[in-house]
Amino acid sequence: AWELAQRATRLGRPPVQLFAISAGAPDTEVPAIEGLHERSDDDLVVAVAAAFGGLEATPITPALIAAVVPGLRADLEILNSYQYAAAPRLPCPIGVFAGHGDPIAPLAALEAWRGHTDGAFFLRRFPGGHFFFRDARDAVVSDIVAALGHRRDLAELARR
């Protein structure tokens, strides 16, 4: 999202708002997840569940693995290889959502987003870990809708 927002801004079309969920600012380090993306599908799911928590009640089925693993593997590979390059502060506001107990998004990394905007900044934390949004989806969607000033009920659209 950060890189896309930077590119859009360079092209003269800055975003209206940047939202980050369960992610520290681009210039902060992600706690060690090195090599996870290289594990077998089953090992990857087990390792992510153990490292990030919050999946205890989720049955790990072959269908879940087939649906989730490709994107998860790509995300982890990007996290492992990303190299931050200094860039101008964004002109748009930045809103950040995270769980209090998220092991890969500690408070300092979340607060660091403040230094990447010339606009407003807000941080909202919820009970839970990396997958806090499973229980906080409606609150997050409501905050996003409020920040964007939309009159439509996007919370209803998110439930579909």
N, C-alpha and C. Protein backbone atom coordinates (compact mmCIF):
# COMPACT_ATOMS: atom_id res chain seq x y z
N ALA A 1 0.83 -1.20 0.00
CA ALA A 1 0.00 0.00 0.00
C ALA A 1 0.87 1.26 0.00
N TRP A 2 1.94 1.23 0.78
CA TRP A 2 2.85 2.37 0.85
C TRP A 2 3.47 2.66 -0.51
N GLU A 3 3.98 1.64 -1.15
CA GLU A 3 4.62 1.83 -2.45
C GLU A 3 3.61 2.30 -3.50
N LEU A 4 2.42 1.76 -3.47
CA LEU A 4 1.37 2.18 -4.40
C LEU A 4 0.98 3.64 -4.15
N ALA A 5 0.86 4.01 -2.89
CA ALA A 5 0.52 5.40 -2.55
C ALA A 5 1.63 6.35 -3.00
N GLN A 6 2.88 5.94 -2.83
CA GLN A 6 3.99 6.76 -3.28
C GLN A 6 3.97 6.94 -4.80
N ARG A 7 3.74 5.85 -5.50
CA ARG A 7 3.70 5.92 -6.97
C ARG A 7 2.55 6.80 -7.45
N ALA A 8 1.37 6.62 -6.87
CA ALA A 8 0.22 7.43 -7.25
C ALA A 8 0.50 8.91 -6.99
N THR A 9 1.16 9.20 -5.88
CA THR A 9 1.49 10.59 -5.56
C THR A 9 2.46 11.16 -6.58
N ARG A 10 3.47 10.39 -6.95
CA ARG A 10 4.43 10.84 -7.98
C ARG A 10 3.74 11.11 -9.32
N LEU A 11 2.69 10.36 -9.60
CA LEU A 11 1.95 10.53 -10.85
C LEU A 11 0.90 11.63 -10.77
N GLY A 12 0.87 12.33 -9.63
CA GLY A 12 -0.07 13.44 -9.46
C GLY A 12 -1.47 13.03 -9.02
N ARG A 13 -1.62 11.81 -8.57
CA ARG A 13 -2.92 11.30 -8.13
C ARG A 13 -2.79 10.70 -6.74
N PRO A 14 -2.48 11.52 -5.75
CA PRO A 14 -2.28 10.97 -4.40
C PRO A 14 -3.56 10.35 -3.86
N PRO A 15 -3.42 9.32 -3.04
CA PRO A 15 -4.62 8.70 -2.47
C PRO A 15 -5.34 9.66 -1.54
N VAL A 16 -6.60 9.41 -1.34
CA VAL A 16 -7.40 10.20 -0.40
C VAL A 16 -7.01 9.85 1.03
N GLN A 17 -6.67 8.60 1.25
CA GLN A 17 -6.34 8.10 2.58
C GLN A 17 -5.54 6.82 2.41
N LEU A 18 -4.62 6.56 3.30
CA LEU A 18 -3.91 5.28 3.33
C LEU A 18 -4.29 4.58 4.63
N PHE A 19 -4.69 3.33 4.52
CA PHE A 19 -5.00 2.52 5.69
C PHE A 19 -4.01 1.37 5.75
N ALA A 20 -3.49 1.10 6.93
CA ALA A 20 -2.63 -0.05 7.16
C ALA A 20 -3.28 -0.91 8.24
N ILE A 21 -3.30 -2.20 8.01
CA ILE A 21 -3.89 -3.12 8.97
C ILE A 21 -2.84 -4.17 9.32
N SER A 22 -2.56 -4.26 10.62
CA SER A 22 -1.60 -5.25 11.13
C SER A 22 -0.23 -5.13 10.47
N ALA A 23 0.19 -3.90 10.20
CA ALA A 23 1.48 -3.68 9.54
C ALA A 23 2.16 -2.44 10.09
N GLY A 24 3.42 -2.59 10.42
CA GLY A 24 4.20 -1.45 10.84
C GLY A 24 4.56 -0.58 9.64
N ALA A 25 5.07 0.60 9.91
CA ALA A 25 5.49 1.53 8.86
C ALA A 25 6.56 0.88 7.99
N PRO A 26 6.70 1.35 6.76
CA PRO A 26 7.62 0.69 5.82
C PRO A 26 9.09 0.76 6.22
N ASP A 27 9.46 1.68 7.07
CA ASP A 27 10.86 1.80 7.48
C ASP A 27 11.15 1.09 8.80
N THR A 28 10.22 0.26 9.25
CA THR A 28 10.44 -0.50 10.47
C THR A 28 10.68 -1.97 10.11
N GLU A 29 11.38 -2.65 10.97
CA GLU A 29 11.69 -4.05 10.72
C GLU A 29 10.51 -4.94 11.11
N VAL A 30 10.32 -5.97 10.32
CA VAL A 30 9.32 -6.98 10.64
C VAL A 30 10.04 -8.04 11.46
N PRO A 31 9.49 -8.41 12.62
CA PRO A 31 10.14 -9.47 13.40
C PRO A 31 10.39 -10.72 12.56
N ALA A 32 11.35 -11.48 12.95
CA ALA A 32 11.85 -12.61 12.15
C ALA A 32 10.74 -13.54 11.66
N ILE A 33 10.59 -13.56 10.36
CA ILE A 33 9.70 -14.52 9.70
C ILE A 33 10.45 -15.14 8.52
N GLU A 34 11.76 -14.95 8.56
CA GLU A 34 12.61 -15.39 7.46
C GLU A 34 12.43 -16.88 7.18
N GLY A 35 12.32 -17.21 5.91
CA GLY A 35 12.24 -18.58 5.48
C GLY A 35 10.87 -19.22 5.54
N LEU A 36 9.89 -18.58 6.16
CA LEU A 36 8.56 -19.18 6.24
C LEU A 36 7.98 -19.47 4.86
N HIS A 37 8.20 -18.55 3.92
CA HIS A 37 7.62 -18.72 2.59
C HIS A 37 8.20 -19.90 1.82
N GLU A 38 9.29 -20.46 2.31
CA GLU A 38 9.94 -21.58 1.62
C GLU A 38 9.50 -22.94 2.16
N ARG A 39 8.68 -22.95 3.19
CA ARG A 39 8.23 -24.22 3.78
C ARG A 39 7.16 -24.88 2.93
N SER A 40 6.92 -26.16 3.19
CA SER A 40 5.84 -26.87 2.51
C SER A 40 4.52 -26.23 2.91
N ASP A 41 3.47 -26.48 2.15
CA ASP A 41 2.17 -25.87 2.43
C ASP A 41 1.70 -26.16 3.85
N ASP A 42 1.72 -27.42 4.25
CA ASP A 42 1.26 -27.79 5.59
C ASP A 42 2.12 -27.14 6.67
N ASP A 43 3.44 -27.19 6.50
CA ASP A 43 4.34 -26.59 7.48
C ASP A 43 4.16 -25.08 7.55
N LEU A 44 3.90 -24.46 6.41
CA LEU A 44 3.70 -23.01 6.38
C LEU A 44 2.48 -22.62 7.20
N VAL A 45 1.39 -23.33 7.01
CA VAL A 45 0.16 -23.01 7.75
C VAL A 45 0.36 -23.22 9.24
N VAL A 46 1.00 -24.30 9.63
CA VAL A 46 1.24 -24.57 11.05
C VAL A 46 2.16 -23.51 11.64
N ALA A 47 3.21 -23.14 10.92
CA ALA A 47 4.17 -22.14 11.42
C ALA A 47 3.51 -20.77 11.56
N VAL A 48 2.70 -20.38 10.58
CA VAL A 48 2.02 -19.08 10.66
C VAL A 48 1.03 -19.08 11.81
N ALA A 49 0.27 -20.16 11.97
CA ALA A 49 -0.67 -20.24 13.08
C ALA A 49 0.05 -20.12 14.42
N ALA A 50 1.21 -20.75 14.54
CA ALA A 50 1.99 -20.69 15.78
C ALA A 50 2.60 -19.31 15.98
N ALA A 51 3.14 -18.72 14.92
CA ALA A 51 3.85 -17.44 15.03
C ALA A 51 2.90 -16.26 15.25
N PHE A 52 1.77 -16.25 14.54
CA PHE A 52 0.88 -15.10 14.57
C PHE A 52 -0.29 -15.27 15.53
N GLY A 53 -0.60 -16.50 15.90
CA GLY A 53 -1.71 -16.76 16.81
C GLY A 53 -3.05 -16.41 16.21
N GLY A 54 -4.11 -16.72 16.93
CA GLY A 54 -5.44 -16.32 16.54
C GLY A 54 -6.14 -17.27 15.58
N LEU A 55 -5.51 -18.38 15.26
CA LEU A 55 -6.13 -19.34 14.33
C LEU A 55 -6.54 -20.63 15.03
N GLU A 56 -6.53 -20.63 16.34
CA GLU A 56 -6.79 -21.86 17.09
C GLU A 56 -8.13 -22.49 16.75
N ALA A 57 -9.15 -21.68 16.50
CA ALA A 57 -10.49 -22.20 16.23
C ALA A 57 -10.73 -22.46 14.74
N THR A 58 -9.72 -22.26 13.92
CA THR A 58 -9.88 -22.44 12.48
C THR A 58 -9.44 -23.84 12.08
N PRO A 59 -10.37 -24.64 11.55
CA PRO A 59 -9.95 -25.98 11.11
C PRO A 59 -9.07 -25.86 9.86
N ILE A 60 -7.91 -26.48 9.90
CA ILE A 60 -6.98 -26.44 8.78
C ILE A 60 -7.34 -27.60 7.85
N THR A 61 -7.96 -27.26 6.75
CA THR A 61 -8.42 -28.26 5.78
C THR A 61 -7.64 -28.10 4.48
N PRO A 62 -7.65 -29.14 3.64
CA PRO A 62 -7.00 -28.99 2.33
C PRO A 62 -7.57 -27.83 1.51
N ALA A 63 -8.87 -27.60 1.62
CA ALA A 63 -9.48 -26.48 0.88
C ALA A 63 -8.95 -25.14 1.39
N LEU A 64 -8.80 -25.01 2.71
CA LEU A 64 -8.26 -23.77 3.28
C LEU A 64 -6.82 -23.57 2.82
N ILE A 65 -6.04 -24.62 2.87
CA ILE A 65 -4.64 -24.52 2.44
C ILE A 65 -4.56 -24.09 0.98
N ALA A 66 -5.37 -24.70 0.12
CA ALA A 66 -5.36 -24.36 -1.31
C ALA A 66 -5.78 -22.92 -1.54
N ALA A 67 -6.71 -22.42 -0.73
CA ALA A 67 -7.22 -21.06 -0.91
C ALA A 67 -6.28 -20.00 -0.35
N VAL A 68 -5.60 -20.31 0.73
CA VAL A 68 -4.85 -19.30 1.47
C VAL A 68 -3.35 -19.30 1.20
N VAL A 69 -2.78 -20.46 1.01
CA VAL A 69 -1.32 -20.57 0.95
C VAL A 69 -0.67 -19.75 -0.16
N PRO A 70 -1.17 -19.74 -1.39
CA PRO A 70 -0.47 -18.95 -2.42
C PRO A 70 -0.32 -17.46 -2.05
N GLY A 71 -1.38 -16.84 -1.58
CA GLY A 71 -1.30 -15.43 -1.18
C GLY A 71 -0.44 -15.22 0.05
N LEU A 72 -0.57 -16.12 1.00
CA LEU A 72 0.23 -16.05 2.22
C LEU A 72 1.71 -16.18 1.90
N ARG A 73 2.04 -17.13 1.05
CA ARG A 73 3.44 -17.34 0.65
C ARG A 73 4.00 -16.08 -0.03
N ALA A 74 3.20 -15.49 -0.92
CA ALA A 74 3.63 -14.27 -1.62
C ALA A 74 3.82 -13.12 -0.64
N ASP A 75 2.89 -12.96 0.31
CA ASP A 75 3.02 -11.90 1.32
C ASP A 75 4.30 -12.06 2.13
N LEU A 76 4.56 -13.28 2.57
CA LEU A 76 5.75 -13.52 3.38
C LEU A 76 7.03 -13.29 2.58
N GLU A 77 7.02 -13.66 1.31
CA GLU A 77 8.19 -13.42 0.48
C GLU A 77 8.44 -11.92 0.30
N ILE A 78 7.38 -11.15 0.11
CA ILE A 78 7.52 -9.70 -0.01
C ILE A 78 8.07 -9.12 1.30
N LEU A 79 7.52 -9.55 2.42
CA LEU A 79 8.00 -9.06 3.72
C LEU A 79 9.48 -9.37 3.91
N ASN A 80 9.90 -10.54 3.47
CA ASN A 80 11.30 -10.94 3.62
C ASN A 80 12.24 -10.16 2.71
N SER A 81 11.75 -9.73 1.56
CA SER A 81 12.64 -9.12 0.57
C SER A 81 12.50 -7.59 0.46
N TYR A 82 11.51 -7.01 1.11
CA TYR A 82 11.26 -5.57 0.95
C TYR A 82 12.43 -4.74 1.48
N GLN A 83 12.83 -3.77 0.67
CA GLN A 83 13.88 -2.83 1.07
C GLN A 83 13.29 -1.43 1.02
N TYR A 84 13.17 -0.80 2.16
CA TYR A 84 12.63 0.55 2.22
C TYR A 84 13.62 1.54 1.61
N ALA A 85 13.10 2.43 0.79
CA ALA A 85 13.89 3.54 0.26
C ALA A 85 13.21 4.82 0.73
N ALA A 86 13.99 5.73 1.29
CA ALA A 86 13.42 6.98 1.79
C ALA A 86 12.57 7.64 0.71
N ALA A 87 11.43 8.16 1.13
CA ALA A 87 10.48 8.79 0.20
C ALA A 87 9.81 9.95 0.91
N PRO A 88 9.25 10.88 0.14
CA PRO A 88 8.56 12.01 0.77
C PRO A 88 7.36 11.54 1.59
N ARG A 89 7.01 12.34 2.56
CA ARG A 89 5.81 12.07 3.34
C ARG A 89 4.61 12.18 2.42
N LEU A 90 3.61 11.36 2.66
CA LEU A 90 2.40 11.41 1.85
C LEU A 90 1.55 12.61 2.25
N PRO A 91 0.83 13.19 1.28
CA PRO A 91 -0.04 14.32 1.61
C PRO A 91 -1.37 13.89 2.21
N CYS A 92 -1.67 12.60 2.15
CA CYS A 92 -2.96 12.10 2.64
C CYS A 92 -2.85 11.63 4.08
N PRO A 93 -4.00 11.56 4.76
CA PRO A 93 -4.00 10.98 6.11
C PRO A 93 -3.65 9.50 6.08
N ILE A 94 -3.15 9.01 7.20
CA ILE A 94 -2.86 7.59 7.35
C ILE A 94 -3.61 7.09 8.58
N GLY A 95 -4.35 6.00 8.40
CA GLY A 95 -5.05 5.34 9.49
C GLY A 95 -4.50 3.93 9.66
N VAL A 96 -4.27 3.53 10.90
CA VAL A 96 -3.66 2.24 11.19
C VAL A 96 -4.53 1.48 12.18
N PHE A 97 -4.74 0.20 11.89
CA PHE A 97 -5.51 -0.69 12.76
C PHE A 97 -4.64 -1.89 13.10
N ALA A 98 -4.69 -2.33 14.34
CA ALA A 98 -3.90 -3.50 14.73
C ALA A 98 -4.43 -4.08 16.03
N GLY A 99 -4.01 -5.31 16.29
CA GLY A 99 -4.34 -5.95 17.55
C GLY A 99 -3.28 -5.62 18.59
N HIS A 100 -3.71 -5.52 19.85
CA HIS A 100 -2.78 -5.21 20.94
C HIS A 100 -1.64 -6.23 21.04
N GLY A 101 -1.93 -7.48 20.74
CA GLY A 101 -0.94 -8.53 20.91
C GLY A 101 -0.32 -9.02 19.62
N ASP A 102 -0.32 -8.19 18.58
CA ASP A 102 0.21 -8.62 17.29
C ASP A 102 1.73 -8.72 17.35
N PRO A 103 2.28 -9.93 17.16
CA PRO A 103 3.73 -10.08 17.28
C PRO A 103 4.52 -9.46 16.13
N ILE A 104 3.89 -9.18 14.98
CA ILE A 104 4.65 -8.57 13.89
C ILE A 104 4.33 -7.10 13.70
N ALA A 105 3.48 -6.56 14.55
CA ALA A 105 3.16 -5.13 14.47
C ALA A 105 3.17 -4.51 15.86
N PRO A 106 4.36 -4.39 16.45
CA PRO A 106 4.45 -3.78 17.77
C PRO A 106 4.10 -2.29 17.72
N LEU A 107 3.75 -1.75 18.88
CA LEU A 107 3.27 -0.37 18.97
C LEU A 107 4.23 0.63 18.32
N ALA A 108 5.52 0.51 18.55
CA ALA A 108 6.48 1.47 17.98
C ALA A 108 6.43 1.45 16.45
N ALA A 109 6.29 0.26 15.85
CA ALA A 109 6.23 0.15 14.39
C ALA A 109 4.93 0.75 13.85
N LEU A 110 3.85 0.63 14.61
CA LEU A 110 2.57 1.22 14.21
C LEU A 110 2.62 2.74 14.32
N GLU A 111 3.15 3.23 15.42
CA GLU A 111 3.27 4.68 15.63
C GLU A 111 4.19 5.33 14.60
N ALA A 112 5.13 4.56 14.06
CA ALA A 112 6.07 5.10 13.08
C ALA A 112 5.38 5.59 11.80
N TRP A 113 4.16 5.11 11.53
CA TRP A 113 3.41 5.61 10.37
C TRP A 113 3.21 7.13 10.46
N ARG A 114 3.13 7.65 11.67
CA ARG A 114 2.90 9.09 11.88
C ARG A 114 3.94 9.93 11.13
N GLY A 115 5.15 9.44 11.04
CA GLY A 115 6.22 10.16 10.37
C GLY A 115 6.17 10.08 8.85
N HIS A 116 5.16 9.42 8.30
CA HIS A 116 5.08 9.24 6.85
C HIS A 116 3.94 10.02 6.22
N THR A 117 3.35 10.93 6.97
CA THR A 117 2.25 11.72 6.42
C THR A 117 2.34 13.18 6.84
N ASP A 118 1.91 14.04 5.93
CA ASP A 118 1.73 15.44 6.27
C ASP A 118 0.28 15.69 6.67
N GLY A 119 -0.54 14.66 6.55
CA GLY A 119 -1.95 14.75 6.90
C GLY A 119 -2.19 14.23 8.31
N ALA A 120 -3.44 13.98 8.60
CA ALA A 120 -3.82 13.45 9.91
C ALA A 120 -3.33 12.01 10.05
N PHE A 121 -3.24 11.58 11.29
CA PHE A 121 -2.83 10.22 11.60
C PHE A 121 -3.72 9.69 12.71
N PHE A 122 -4.18 8.46 12.56
CA PHE A 122 -4.84 7.82 13.69
C PHE A 122 -4.42 6.37 13.79
N LEU A 123 -4.39 5.88 15.01
CA LEU A 123 -4.06 4.50 15.30
C LEU A 123 -5.15 3.96 16.20
N ARG A 124 -5.73 2.85 15.80
CA ARG A 124 -6.74 2.20 16.63
C ARG A 124 -6.34 0.76 16.83
N ARG A 125 -6.23 0.39 18.10
CA ARG A 125 -5.85 -0.98 18.44
C ARG A 125 -7.03 -1.69 19.09
N PHE A 126 -7.09 -2.98 18.86
CA PHE A 126 -8.19 -3.81 19.32
C PHE A 126 -7.64 -4.98 20.13
N PRO A 127 -8.48 -5.60 20.93
CA PRO A 127 -8.05 -6.83 21.60
C PRO A 127 -7.68 -7.88 20.54
N GLY A 128 -6.68 -8.67 20.85
CA GLY A 128 -6.30 -9.74 19.94
C GLY A 128 -4.92 -9.55 19.34
N GLY A 129 -4.58 -10.46 18.45
CA GLY A 129 -3.27 -10.46 17.82
C GLY A 129 -3.33 -10.04 16.37
N HIS A 130 -2.55 -10.73 15.55
CA HIS A 130 -2.45 -10.36 14.14
C HIS A 130 -3.78 -10.50 13.41
N PHE A 131 -4.60 -11.42 13.83
CA PHE A 131 -5.89 -11.64 13.18
C PHE A 131 -7.04 -11.01 13.96
N PHE A 132 -6.78 -9.90 14.63
CA PHE A 132 -7.78 -9.19 15.43
C PHE A 132 -9.05 -8.89 14.65
N PHE A 133 -8.91 -8.66 13.34
CA PHE A 133 -10.04 -8.20 12.53
C PHE A 133 -11.14 -9.23 12.42
N ARG A 134 -10.86 -10.47 12.76
CA ARG A 134 -11.92 -11.48 12.73
C ARG A 134 -13.05 -11.08 13.67
N ASP A 135 -12.69 -10.44 14.79
CA ASP A 135 -13.70 -10.01 15.76
C ASP A 135 -14.01 -8.52 15.67
N ALA A 136 -13.19 -7.76 14.96
CA ALA A 136 -13.34 -6.30 14.93
C ALA A 136 -13.70 -5.77 13.55
N ARG A 137 -14.11 -6.63 12.65
CA ARG A 137 -14.38 -6.22 11.27
C ARG A 137 -15.35 -5.05 11.18
N ASP A 138 -16.47 -5.13 11.88
CA ASP A 138 -17.47 -4.06 11.79
C ASP A 138 -16.92 -2.72 12.28
N ALA A 139 -16.16 -2.75 13.36
CA ALA A 139 -15.58 -1.51 13.88
C ALA A 139 -14.56 -0.93 12.91
N VAL A 140 -13.74 -1.78 12.31
CA VAL A 140 -12.74 -1.30 11.34
C VAL A 140 -13.43 -0.71 10.12
N VAL A 141 -14.43 -1.43 9.60
CA VAL A 141 -15.16 -0.91 8.43
C VAL A 141 -15.84 0.41 8.77
N SER A 142 -16.44 0.51 9.94
CA SER A 142 -17.08 1.77 10.34
C SER A 142 -16.08 2.92 10.41
N ASP A 143 -14.90 2.65 10.94
CA ASP A 143 -13.87 3.68 11.01
C ASP A 143 -13.40 4.10 9.62
N ILE A 144 -13.26 3.13 8.73
CA ILE A 144 -12.85 3.45 7.36
C ILE A 144 -13.92 4.28 6.66
N VAL A 145 -15.17 3.88 6.82
CA VAL A 145 -16.28 4.63 6.23
C VAL A 145 -16.29 6.06 6.77
N ALA A 146 -16.14 6.20 8.07
CA ALA A 146 -16.14 7.54 8.68
C ALA A 146 -14.97 8.37 8.16
N ALA A 147 -13.80 7.75 8.05
CA ALA A 147 -12.63 8.48 7.58
C ALA A 147 -12.80 8.93 6.13
N LEU A 148 -13.45 8.13 5.34
CA LEU A 148 -13.65 8.47 3.94
C LEU A 148 -14.88 9.36 3.73
N GLY A 149 -15.73 9.45 4.73
CA GLY A 149 -16.90 10.31 4.64
C GLY A 149 -17.99 9.77 3.74
N HIS A 150 -17.97 8.47 3.49
CA HIS A 150 -19.00 7.88 2.63
C HIS A 150 -20.32 7.81 3.36
N ARG A 151 -21.40 7.95 2.61
CA ARG A 151 -22.74 7.83 3.19
C ARG A 151 -23.31 6.43 2.99
N ARG A 152 -22.73 5.67 2.07
CA ARG A 152 -23.22 4.31 1.84
C ARG A 152 -22.88 3.44 3.04
N ASP A 153 -23.62 2.40 3.21
CA ASP A 153 -23.35 1.47 4.29
C ASP A 153 -22.36 0.42 3.81
N LEU A 154 -21.08 0.77 3.82
CA LEU A 154 -20.05 -0.16 3.38
C LEU A 154 -19.91 -1.34 4.33
N ALA A 155 -20.33 -1.13 5.58
CA ALA A 155 -20.28 -2.25 6.52
C ALA A 155 -21.18 -3.38 6.03
N GLU A 156 -22.32 -3.04 5.48
CA GLU A 156 -23.22 -4.05 4.94
C GLU A 156 -22.59 -4.73 3.72
N LEU A 157 -21.94 -3.95 2.86
CA LEU A 157 -21.28 -4.54 1.70
C LEU A 157 -20.16 -5.50 2.12
N ALA A 158 -19.47 -5.17 3.21
CA ALA A 158 -18.36 -6.01 3.68
C ALA A 158 -18.85 -7.35 4.18
N ARG A 159 -20.10 -7.44 4.63
CA ARG A 159 -20.64 -8.69 5.15
C ARG A 159 -21.01 -9.67 4.03
N ARG A 160 -21.15 -9.17 2.82
CA ARG A 160 -21.61 -10.04 1.71
C ARG A 160 -20.53 -10.94 1.21
